[in-house]
Amino acid sequence: MKEKEGFFVDYQELFRKKEAYSRCRESIPEFTTFTFDQAFEIEYTHNSTAIEGNTLSLMETKVLLEDGISIGGKALREIYEAVNHRKAFRYVKECIGKGMPLDEGKVKDIHALLMENIQVGGVYRDVQVYISGAQHMPPPPPLMYRQVKDFYADLSWKGKELNPVELAAWTHAEFVKIHPFTDGNGRTSRLIMNYQLMAEGFPPVSIAKEDRLEYFKALEAYAVEGDLQPFAELVAGLVDRQMERYIELSGPQQERDQSPTLQ
């Protein structure tokens, strides 16, 4: 259990809920799971692109991805961002299904998919970049190259130091702090966070665009102060709620009775 200013995340309870989630997911009718996952995919794509400034509404994202209808009056870049995000998320799920661990090649593939028809993807930046409104400035290219190599080297041993949810949070926070690409770092970071969660049997999560201020503040706490706890708590809360949604789909009260809720 970790505690700070009266708020705590009991990770043991979260892991017990994961067991209930795994049992419930097996009992949910296949079509129900398919439609629920499809709805999440659209919601996740909308939120992740909207956080970065994409103006497609949730309904417009649904019409584009589910019905295949182009949205008039929108820039082509915004259309590609949504289409590419779904493609990259499906690639992540495919890799998880094959039991493939996250590594540099996967991250570059994810970024390349996100950048299709927008710019060349999967290539690290060779220029300095700045983040508007942030206290933290990403490292210049020579330092960035060293930090990104350290990031991949740390992926394995960090799993011995952190629990799976904290590891997923660290993967996102550390990668976006390094900011190795000229564009698409946020979307890539959220995808590799979900990669880590799904690899450990947790459901993927979506950070609502309405919560982006809290999200950015938590990431800033890590980038400036090295404090992962605010962001890890945010991710743990999202994981808890997403598992609860699946448990509710299964129906039986006994599963809910075995499912603790984070306080």
C-alpha atoms as a PDB file:
ATOM      1  CA  MET A   1       0.000   0.000   0.000  1.00  0.00           C
ATOM      2  CA  LYS A   2       1.253   3.493  -0.802  1.00  0.00           C
ATOM      3  CA  GLU A   3      -0.105   6.543   0.970  1.00  0.00           C
ATOM      4  CA  LYS A   4       0.139  10.262   0.328  1.00  0.00           C
ATOM      5  CA  GLU A   5      -1.938  13.168   1.640  1.00  0.00           C
ATOM      6  CA  GLY A   6      -4.765  10.882   2.770  1.00  0.00           C
ATOM      7  CA  PHE A   7      -5.114   9.012  -0.528  1.00  0.00           C
ATOM      8  CA  PHE A   8      -3.869   5.494  -1.020  1.00  0.00           C
ATOM      9  CA  VAL A   9      -3.792   2.752  -3.601  1.00  0.00           C
ATOM     10  CA  ASP A  10      -3.933  -0.745  -2.170  1.00  0.00           C
ATOM     11  CA  TYR A  11      -2.214  -2.661  -4.935  1.00  0.00           C
ATOM     12  CA  GLN A  12      -2.972  -5.995  -3.288  1.00  0.00           C
ATOM     13  CA  GLU A  13      -6.679  -5.269  -3.602  1.00  0.00           C
ATOM     14  CA  LEU A  14      -6.136  -4.202  -7.192  1.00  0.00           C
ATOM     15  CA  PHE A  15      -4.416  -7.500  -7.970  1.00  0.00           C
ATOM     16  CA  ARG A  16      -7.215  -9.445  -6.292  1.00  0.00           C
ATOM     17  CA  LYS A  17      -9.697  -7.580  -8.460  1.00  0.00           C
ATOM     18  CA  LYS A  18      -7.625  -8.617 -11.465  1.00  0.00           C
ATOM     19  CA  GLU A  19      -8.336 -12.267 -10.593  1.00  0.00           C
ATOM     20  CA  ALA A  20     -12.089 -11.535 -10.501  1.00  0.00           C
ATOM     21  CA  TYR A  21     -11.768  -9.605 -13.778  1.00  0.00           C
ATOM     22  CA  SER A  22     -10.041 -12.557 -15.459  1.00  0.00           C
ATOM     23  CA  ARG A  23     -12.757 -14.978 -14.334  1.00  0.00           C
ATOM     24  CA  CYS A  24     -15.566 -12.636 -15.362  1.00  0.00           C
ATOM     25  CA  ARG A  25     -14.117 -11.919 -18.783  1.00  0.00           C
ATOM     26  CA  GLU A  26     -14.244 -15.635 -19.595  1.00  0.00           C
ATOM     27  CA  SER A  27     -17.944 -15.775 -18.697  1.00  0.00           C
ATOM     28  CA  ILE A  28     -19.038 -12.774 -20.790  1.00  0.00           C
ATOM     29  CA  PRO A  29     -20.688 -13.715 -24.116  1.00  0.00           C
ATOM     30  CA  GLU A  30     -18.253 -13.317 -27.005  1.00  0.00           C
ATOM     31  CA  PHE A  31     -20.448 -10.824 -28.873  1.00  0.00           C
ATOM     32  CA  THR A  32     -20.820  -8.677 -25.746  1.00  0.00           C
ATOM     33  CA  THR A  33     -17.061  -8.613 -25.266  1.00  0.00           C
ATOM     34  CA  PHE A  34     -16.557  -7.772 -28.947  1.00  0.00           C
ATOM     35  CA  THR A  35     -18.934  -4.797 -28.853  1.00  0.00           C
ATOM     36  CA  PHE A  36     -17.532  -3.565 -25.529  1.00  0.00           C
ATOM     37  CA  ASP A  37     -13.956  -3.761 -26.815  1.00  0.00           C
ATOM     38  CA  GLN A  38     -14.967  -2.042 -30.050  1.00  0.00           C
ATOM     39  CA  ALA A  39     -16.571   0.793 -28.092  1.00  0.00           C
ATOM     40  CA  PHE A  40     -13.412   1.113 -25.986  1.00  0.00           C
ATOM     41  CA  GLU A  41     -11.230   1.205 -29.098  1.00  0.00           C
ATOM     42  CA  ILE A  42     -13.220   4.165 -30.450  1.00  0.00           C
ATOM     43  CA  GLU A  43     -13.284   5.943 -27.080  1.00  0.00           C
ATOM     44  CA  TYR A  44      -9.548   5.389 -26.585  1.00  0.00           C
ATOM     45  CA  THR A  45      -8.701   6.619 -30.083  1.00  0.00           C
ATOM     46  CA  HIS A  46     -10.852   9.709 -29.599  1.00  0.00           C
ATOM     47  CA  ASN A  47      -9.369  10.567 -26.195  1.00  0.00           C
ATOM     48  CA  SER A  48      -5.750   9.895 -27.087  1.00  0.00           C
ATOM     49  CA  THR A  49      -5.870  11.998 -30.255  1.00  0.00           C
ATOM     50  CA  ALA A  50      -8.019  14.729 -28.654  1.00  0.00           C
ATOM     51  CA  ILE A  51      -5.472  15.178 -25.857  1.00  0.00           C
ATOM     52  CA  GLU A  52      -3.020  16.170 -28.587  1.00  0.00           C
ATOM     53  CA  GLY A  53      -5.443  18.648 -30.188  1.00  0.00           C
ATOM     54  CA  ASN A  54      -7.409  16.529 -32.671  1.00  0.00           C
ATOM     55  CA  THR A  55     -10.884  18.103 -33.094  1.00  0.00           C
ATOM     56  CA  LEU A  56     -12.850  15.006 -34.152  1.00  0.00           C
ATOM     57  CA  SER A  57     -15.742  14.414 -31.758  1.00  0.00           C
ATOM     58  CA  LEU A  58     -16.427  10.989 -30.284  1.00  0.00           C
ATOM     59  CA  MET A  59     -19.314  10.495 -32.716  1.00  0.00           C
ATOM     60  CA  GLU A  60     -17.192  11.619 -35.670  1.00  0.00           C
ATOM     61  CA  THR A  61     -14.489   9.167 -34.594  1.00  0.00           C
ATOM     62  CA  LYS A  62     -17.098   6.382 -34.455  1.00  0.00           C
ATOM     63  CA  VAL A  63     -18.482   7.234 -37.896  1.00  0.00           C
ATOM     64  CA  LEU A  64     -14.969   7.310 -39.352  1.00  0.00           C
ATOM     65  CA  LEU A  65     -13.664   4.086 -37.767  1.00  0.00           C
ATOM     66  CA  GLU A  66     -16.789   1.960 -37.449  1.00  0.00           C
ATOM     67  CA  ASP A  67     -18.768   3.049 -40.490  1.00  0.00           C
ATOM     68  CA  GLY A  68     -15.855   4.004 -42.749  1.00  0.00           C
ATOM     69  CA  ILE A  69     -17.369   7.390 -43.584  1.00  0.00           C
ATOM     70  CA  SER A  70     -14.986  10.315 -44.061  1.00  0.00           C
ATOM     71  CA  ILE A  71     -15.685  13.477 -42.080  1.00  0.00           C
ATOM     72  CA  GLY A  72     -16.190  16.616 -44.153  1.00  0.00           C
ATOM     73  CA  GLY A  73     -14.532  19.826 -43.095  1.00  0.00           C
ATOM     74  CA  LYS A  74     -11.757  18.105 -41.159  1.00  0.00           C
ATOM     75  CA  ALA A  75      -8.060  18.244 -42.027  1.00  0.00           C
ATOM     76  CA  LEU A  76      -6.648  15.072 -43.559  1.00  0.00           C
ATOM     77  CA  ARG A  77      -4.096  14.928 -40.753  1.00  0.00           C
ATOM     78  CA  GLU A  78      -6.877  14.564 -38.183  1.00  0.00           C
ATOM     79  CA  ILE A  79      -8.453  11.757 -40.191  1.00  0.00           C
ATOM     80  CA  TYR A  80      -5.122   9.945 -40.452  1.00  0.00           C
ATOM     81  CA  GLU A  81      -4.417  10.427 -36.732  1.00  0.00           C
ATOM     82  CA  ALA A  82      -7.595   8.552 -35.818  1.00  0.00           C
ATOM     83  CA  VAL A  83      -7.226   5.812 -38.428  1.00  0.00           C
ATOM     84  CA  ASN A  84      -3.552   5.336 -37.572  1.00  0.00           C
ATOM     85  CA  HIS A  85      -4.198   5.203 -33.847  1.00  0.00           C
ATOM     86  CA  ARG A  86      -6.644   2.338 -34.228  1.00  0.00           C
ATOM     87  CA  LYS A  87      -4.148   0.539 -36.458  1.00  0.00           C
ATOM     88  CA  ALA A  88      -1.364   1.000 -33.895  1.00  0.00           C
ATOM     89  CA  PHE A  89      -3.588  -0.181 -31.028  1.00  0.00           C
ATOM     90  CA  ARG A  90      -4.527  -3.306 -32.953  1.00  0.00           C
ATOM     91  CA  TYR A  91      -0.837  -3.933 -33.610  1.00  0.00           C
ATOM     92  CA  VAL A  92      -0.216  -3.710 -29.851  1.00  0.00           C
ATOM     93  CA  LYS A  93      -2.976  -6.258 -29.180  1.00  0.00           C
ATOM     94  CA  GLU A  94      -1.556  -8.531 -31.888  1.00  0.00           C
ATOM     95  CA  CYS A  95       1.898  -8.411 -30.272  1.00  0.00           C
ATOM     96  CA  ILE A  96       0.410  -9.140 -26.844  1.00  0.00           C
ATOM     97  CA  GLY A  97      -1.498 -12.092 -28.308  1.00  0.00           C
ATOM     98  CA  LYS A  98       1.791 -13.510 -29.553  1.00  0.00           C
ATOM     99  CA  GLY A  99       3.460 -13.029 -26.175  1.00  0.00           C
ATOM    100  CA  MET A 100       6.011 -10.566 -27.559  1.00  0.00           C
ATOM    101  CA  PRO A 101       7.623  -8.293 -24.920  1.00  0.00           C
ATOM    102  CA  LEU A 102       7.920  -4.550 -25.444  1.00  0.00           C
ATOM    103  CA  ASP A 103      11.247  -3.524 -26.966  1.00  0.00           C
ATOM    104  CA  GLU A 104      12.738  -0.813 -29.161  1.00  0.00           C
ATOM    105  CA  GLY A 105      11.577  -2.415 -32.386  1.00  0.00           C
ATOM    106  CA  LYS A 106       7.956  -2.550 -31.181  1.00  0.00           C
ATOM    107  CA  VAL A 107       8.041   1.073 -30.038  1.00  0.00           C
ATOM    108  CA  LYS A 108       9.380   2.231 -33.406  1.00  0.00           C
ATOM    109  CA  ASP A 109       6.757   0.135 -35.206  1.00  0.00           C
ATOM    110  CA  ILE A 110       4.000   1.701 -33.090  1.00  0.00           C
ATOM    111  CA  HIS A 111       5.259   5.197 -33.863  1.00  0.00           C
ATOM    112  CA  ALA A 112       5.602   4.406 -37.574  1.00  0.00           C
ATOM    113  CA  LEU A 113       1.959   3.248 -37.658  1.00  0.00           C
ATOM    114  CA  LEU A 114       0.827   6.403 -35.849  1.00  0.00           C
ATOM    115  CA  MET A 115       2.643   8.597 -38.372  1.00  0.00           C
ATOM    116  CA  GLU A 116       1.508   6.904 -41.605  1.00  0.00           C
ATOM    117  CA  ASN A 117       0.616   9.509 -44.275  1.00  0.00           C
ATOM    118  CA  ILE A 118       1.662  12.276 -41.859  1.00  0.00           C
ATOM    119  CA  GLN A 119       5.458  12.100 -41.604  1.00  0.00           C
ATOM    120  CA  VAL A 120       8.216   9.505 -41.504  1.00  0.00           C
ATOM    121  CA  GLY A 121       7.766   7.520 -38.318  1.00  0.00           C
ATOM    122  CA  GLY A 122       9.956   5.328 -36.154  1.00  0.00           C
ATOM    123  CA  VAL A 123      12.933   7.702 -36.451  1.00  0.00           C
ATOM    124  CA  TYR A 124      14.372   9.526 -33.455  1.00  0.00           C
ATOM    125  CA  ARG A 125      14.639  13.296 -33.600  1.00  0.00           C
ATOM    126  CA  ASP A 126      17.878  15.126 -34.348  1.00  0.00           C
ATOM    127  CA  VAL A 127      16.613  18.538 -33.228  1.00  0.00           C
ATOM    128  CA  GLN A 128      15.737  20.123 -29.889  1.00  0.00           C
ATOM    129  CA  VAL A 129      12.023  20.233 -29.057  1.00  0.00           C
ATOM    130  CA  TYR A 130      10.028  22.229 -26.494  1.00  0.00           C
ATOM    131  CA  ILE A 131       6.737  21.451 -24.753  1.00  0.00           C
ATOM    132  CA  SER A 132       4.417  24.435 -24.383  1.00  0.00           C
ATOM    133  CA  GLY A 133       3.456  25.197 -20.786  1.00  0.00           C
ATOM    134  CA  ALA A 134       5.729  22.543 -19.273  1.00  0.00           C
ATOM    135  CA  GLN A 135       8.500  23.155 -16.738  1.00  0.00           C
ATOM    136  CA  HIS A 136      10.452  20.211 -18.089  1.00  0.00           C
ATOM    137  CA  MET A 137      12.462  20.597 -21.306  1.00  0.00           C
ATOM    138  CA  PRO A 138      13.229  17.380 -23.219  1.00  0.00           C
ATOM    139  CA  PRO A 139      16.933  16.583 -23.557  1.00  0.00           C
ATOM    140  CA  PRO A 140      18.918  17.716 -26.632  1.00  0.00           C
ATOM    141  CA  PRO A 141      19.556  14.989 -29.250  1.00  0.00           C
ATOM    142  CA  PRO A 142      22.946  13.693 -27.975  1.00  0.00           C
ATOM    143  CA  LEU A 143      21.597  13.292 -24.422  1.00  0.00           C
ATOM    144  CA  MET A 144      18.248  12.032 -25.709  1.00  0.00           C
ATOM    145  CA  TYR A 145      19.946   9.164 -27.576  1.00  0.00           C
ATOM    146  CA  ARG A 146      21.692   8.055 -24.379  1.00  0.00           C
ATOM    147  CA  GLN A 147      18.516   8.340 -22.320  1.00  0.00           C
ATOM    148  CA  VAL A 148      16.375   6.399 -24.786  1.00  0.00           C
ATOM    149  CA  LYS A 149      18.939   3.585 -24.880  1.00  0.00           C
ATOM    150  CA  ASP A 150      18.915   3.527 -21.076  1.00  0.00           C
ATOM    151  CA  PHE A 151      15.104   3.412 -21.190  1.00  0.00           C
ATOM    152  CA  TYR A 152      15.090   0.155 -23.144  1.00  0.00           C
ATOM    153  CA  ALA A 153      17.828  -1.316 -20.950  1.00  0.00           C
ATOM    154  CA  ASP A 154      15.795  -0.407 -17.846  1.00  0.00           C
ATOM    155  CA  LEU A 155      12.558  -2.007 -19.072  1.00  0.00           C
ATOM    156  CA  SER A 156      13.550  -5.440 -17.785  1.00  0.00           C
ATOM    157  CA  TRP A 157      14.995  -4.654 -14.361  1.00  0.00           C
ATOM    158  CA  LYS A 158      12.319  -2.039 -13.549  1.00  0.00           C
ATOM    159  CA  GLY A 159       9.851  -4.912 -13.502  1.00  0.00           C
ATOM    160  CA  LYS A 160      11.686  -6.278 -10.443  1.00  0.00           C
ATOM    161  CA  GLU A 161      11.540  -2.921  -8.657  1.00  0.00           C
ATOM    162  CA  LEU A 162       7.957  -1.902  -9.520  1.00  0.00           C
ATOM    163  CA  ASN A 163       4.658  -3.759  -9.570  1.00  0.00           C
ATOM    164  CA  PRO A 164       3.022  -4.210 -13.025  1.00  0.00           C
ATOM    165  CA  VAL A 165       0.788  -1.115 -12.779  1.00  0.00           C
ATOM    166  CA  GLU A 166       3.660   1.057 -11.579  1.00  0.00           C
ATOM    167  CA  LEU A 167       5.833  -0.354 -14.374  1.00  0.00           C
ATOM    168  CA  ALA A 168       3.205   0.615 -16.963  1.00  0.00           C
ATOM    169  CA  ALA A 169       3.037   4.122 -15.462  1.00  0.00           C
ATOM    170  CA  TRP A 170       6.840   4.415 -15.430  1.00  0.00           C
ATOM    171  CA  THR A 171       7.052   3.231 -19.067  1.00  0.00           C
ATOM    172  CA  HIS A 172       4.748   6.057 -20.136  1.00  0.00           C
ATOM    173  CA  ALA A 173       6.191   8.760 -17.859  1.00  0.00           C
ATOM    174  CA  GLU A 174       9.846   8.035 -18.624  1.00  0.00           C
ATOM    175  CA  PHE A 175       9.332   7.722 -22.380  1.00  0.00           C
ATOM    176  CA  VAL A 176       7.364  10.951 -22.737  1.00  0.00           C
ATOM    177  CA  LYS A 177       9.918  12.726 -20.534  1.00  0.00           C
ATOM    178  CA  ILE A 178      12.650  11.746 -23.007  1.00  0.00           C
ATOM    179  CA  HIS A 179      10.417  12.784 -25.951  1.00  0.00           C
ATOM    180  CA  PRO A 180      12.490  10.896 -28.564  1.00  0.00           C
ATOM    181  CA  PHE A 181      10.308  11.745 -31.589  1.00  0.00           C
ATOM    182  CA  THR A 182       9.465  15.125 -33.076  1.00  0.00           C
ATOM    183  CA  ASP A 183       5.744  14.300 -32.886  1.00  0.00           C
ATOM    184  CA  GLY A 184       3.489  11.551 -31.559  1.00  0.00           C
ATOM    185  CA  ASN A 185       5.297  11.004 -28.242  1.00  0.00           C
ATOM    186  CA  GLY A 186       2.110  11.257 -26.166  1.00  0.00           C
ATOM    187  CA  ARG A 187       0.145   8.793 -28.275  1.00  0.00           C
ATOM    188  CA  THR A 188       3.110   6.418 -28.379  1.00  0.00           C
ATOM    189  CA  SER A 189       3.557   6.656 -24.605  1.00  0.00           C
ATOM    190  CA  ARG A 190      -0.085   5.873 -23.929  1.00  0.00           C
ATOM    191  CA  LEU A 191       0.068   2.894 -26.276  1.00  0.00           C
ATOM    192  CA  ILE A 192       3.199   1.426 -24.696  1.00  0.00           C
ATOM    193  CA  MET A 193       1.670   1.963 -21.247  1.00  0.00           C
ATOM    194  CA  ASN A 194      -1.279  -0.157 -22.369  1.00  0.00           C
ATOM    195  CA  TYR A 195       1.150  -2.655 -23.897  1.00  0.00           C
ATOM    196  CA  GLN A 196       2.649  -3.169 -20.441  1.00  0.00           C
ATOM    197  CA  LEU A 197      -0.759  -3.418 -18.763  1.00  0.00           C
ATOM    198  CA  MET A 198      -2.141  -5.950 -21.245  1.00  0.00           C
ATOM    199  CA  ALA A 199       1.055  -8.001 -21.133  1.00  0.00           C
ATOM    200  CA  GLU A 200       0.350  -8.506 -17.408  1.00  0.00           C
ATOM    201  CA  GLY A 201      -3.299  -9.432 -17.914  1.00  0.00           C
ATOM    202  CA  PHE A 202      -4.843  -6.046 -17.107  1.00  0.00           C
ATOM    203  CA  PRO A 203      -7.282  -4.286 -19.447  1.00  0.00           C
ATOM    204  CA  PRO A 204      -6.083  -1.273 -21.454  1.00  0.00           C
ATOM    205  CA  VAL A 205      -7.155   2.143 -20.162  1.00  0.00           C
ATOM    206  CA  SER A 206      -8.139   5.438 -21.732  1.00  0.00           C
ATOM    207  CA  ILE A 207      -7.334   8.833 -20.226  1.00  0.00           C
ATOM    208  CA  ALA A 208     -10.327  11.096 -20.883  1.00  0.00           C
ATOM    209  CA  LYS A 209      -9.527  14.353 -22.639  1.00  0.00           C
ATOM    210  CA  GLU A 210     -11.494  16.121 -19.865  1.00  0.00           C
ATOM    211  CA  ASP A 211      -8.898  14.827 -17.370  1.00  0.00           C
ATOM    212  CA  ARG A 212      -5.862  15.996 -19.307  1.00  0.00           C
ATOM    213  CA  LEU A 213      -4.949  18.742 -16.800  1.00  0.00           C
ATOM    214  CA  GLU A 214      -4.659  16.220 -13.960  1.00  0.00           C
ATOM    215  CA  TYR A 215      -2.851  13.879 -16.366  1.00  0.00           C
ATOM    216  CA  PHE A 216      -0.307  16.531 -17.407  1.00  0.00           C
ATOM    217  CA  LYS A 217       0.270  17.574 -13.789  1.00  0.00           C
ATOM    218  CA  ALA A 218       0.992  13.984 -12.782  1.00  0.00           C
ATOM    219  CA  LEU A 219       3.452  13.573 -15.652  1.00  0.00           C
ATOM    220  CA  GLU A 220       5.086  16.894 -14.747  1.00  0.00           C
ATOM    221  CA  ALA A 221       5.598  15.687 -11.165  1.00  0.00           C
ATOM    222  CA  TYR A 222       7.635  12.804 -12.555  1.00  0.00           C
ATOM    223  CA  ALA A 223       9.531  14.843 -15.162  1.00  0.00           C
ATOM    224  CA  VAL A 224      10.509  17.634 -12.760  1.00  0.00           C
ATOM    225  CA  GLU A 225      10.631  15.962  -9.339  1.00  0.00           C
ATOM    226  CA  GLY A 226      11.094  12.282 -10.220  1.00  0.00           C
ATOM    227  CA  ASP A 227       7.878  11.493  -8.311  1.00  0.00           C
ATOM    228  CA  LEU A 228       6.067   8.627 -10.044  1.00  0.00           C
ATOM    229  CA  GLN A 229       3.390   8.190  -7.362  1.00  0.00           C
ATOM    230  CA  PRO A 230       0.800  10.731  -8.667  1.00  0.00           C
ATOM    231  CA  PHE A 231       0.829   9.216 -12.136  1.00  0.00           C
ATOM    232  CA  ALA A 232       0.925   5.615 -10.864  1.00  0.00           C
ATOM    233  CA  GLU A 233      -2.127   6.400  -8.702  1.00  0.00           C
ATOM    234  CA  LEU A 234      -3.941   7.893 -11.694  1.00  0.00           C
ATOM    235  CA  VAL A 235      -3.211   4.781 -13.787  1.00  0.00           C
ATOM    236  CA  ALA A 236      -4.216   2.452 -10.935  1.00  0.00           C
ATOM    237  CA  GLY A 237      -7.562   4.241 -10.635  1.00  0.00           C
ATOM    238  CA  LEU A 238      -8.196   3.882 -14.363  1.00  0.00           C
ATOM    239  CA  VAL A 239      -7.303   0.190 -14.272  1.00  0.00           C
ATOM    240  CA  ASP A 240      -9.604  -0.353 -11.295  1.00  0.00           C
ATOM    241  CA  ARG A 241     -12.549   1.324 -13.029  1.00  0.00           C
ATOM    242  CA  GLN A 242     -11.983  -0.499 -16.289  1.00  0.00           C
ATOM    243  CA  MET A 243     -11.895  -3.882 -14.570  1.00  0.00           C
ATOM    244  CA  GLU A 244     -15.071  -2.944 -12.719  1.00  0.00           C
ATOM    245  CA  ARG A 245     -16.792  -2.241 -16.033  1.00  0.00           C
ATOM    246  CA  TYR A 246     -15.950  -5.743 -17.267  1.00  0.00           C
ATOM    247  CA  ILE A 247     -17.068  -7.305 -13.983  1.00  0.00           C
ATOM    248  CA  GLU A 248     -20.412  -5.498 -14.297  1.00  0.00           C
ATOM    249  CA  LEU A 249     -20.859  -7.033 -17.752  1.00  0.00           C
ATOM    250  CA  SER A 250     -20.642 -10.537 -16.315  1.00  0.00           C
ATOM    251  CA  GLY A 251     -23.699 -10.019 -14.139  1.00  0.00           C
ATOM    252  CA  PRO A 252     -23.378 -12.557 -11.273  1.00  0.00           C
ATOM    253  CA  GLN A 253     -23.428 -10.852  -7.893  1.00  0.00           C
ATOM    254  CA  GLN A 254     -20.921 -13.280  -6.446  1.00  0.00           C
ATOM    255  CA  GLU A 255     -18.246 -11.977  -8.824  1.00  0.00           C
ATOM    256  CA  ARG A 256     -18.919  -8.413  -7.685  1.00  0.00           C
ATOM    257  CA  ASP A 257     -18.798  -9.515  -4.061  1.00  0.00           C
ATOM    258  CA  GLN A 258     -15.304 -10.882  -4.649  1.00  0.00           C
ATOM    259  CA  SER A 259     -14.225  -7.664  -6.347  1.00  0.00           C
ATOM    260  CA  PRO A 260     -12.764  -5.053  -3.973  1.00  0.00           C
ATOM    261  CA  THR A 261     -12.967  -1.388  -4.913  1.00  0.00           C
ATOM    262  CA  LEU A 262     -10.069   1.002  -4.369  1.00  0.00           C
ATOM    263  CA  GLN A 263     -10.754   3.693  -1.797  1.00  0.00           C
END
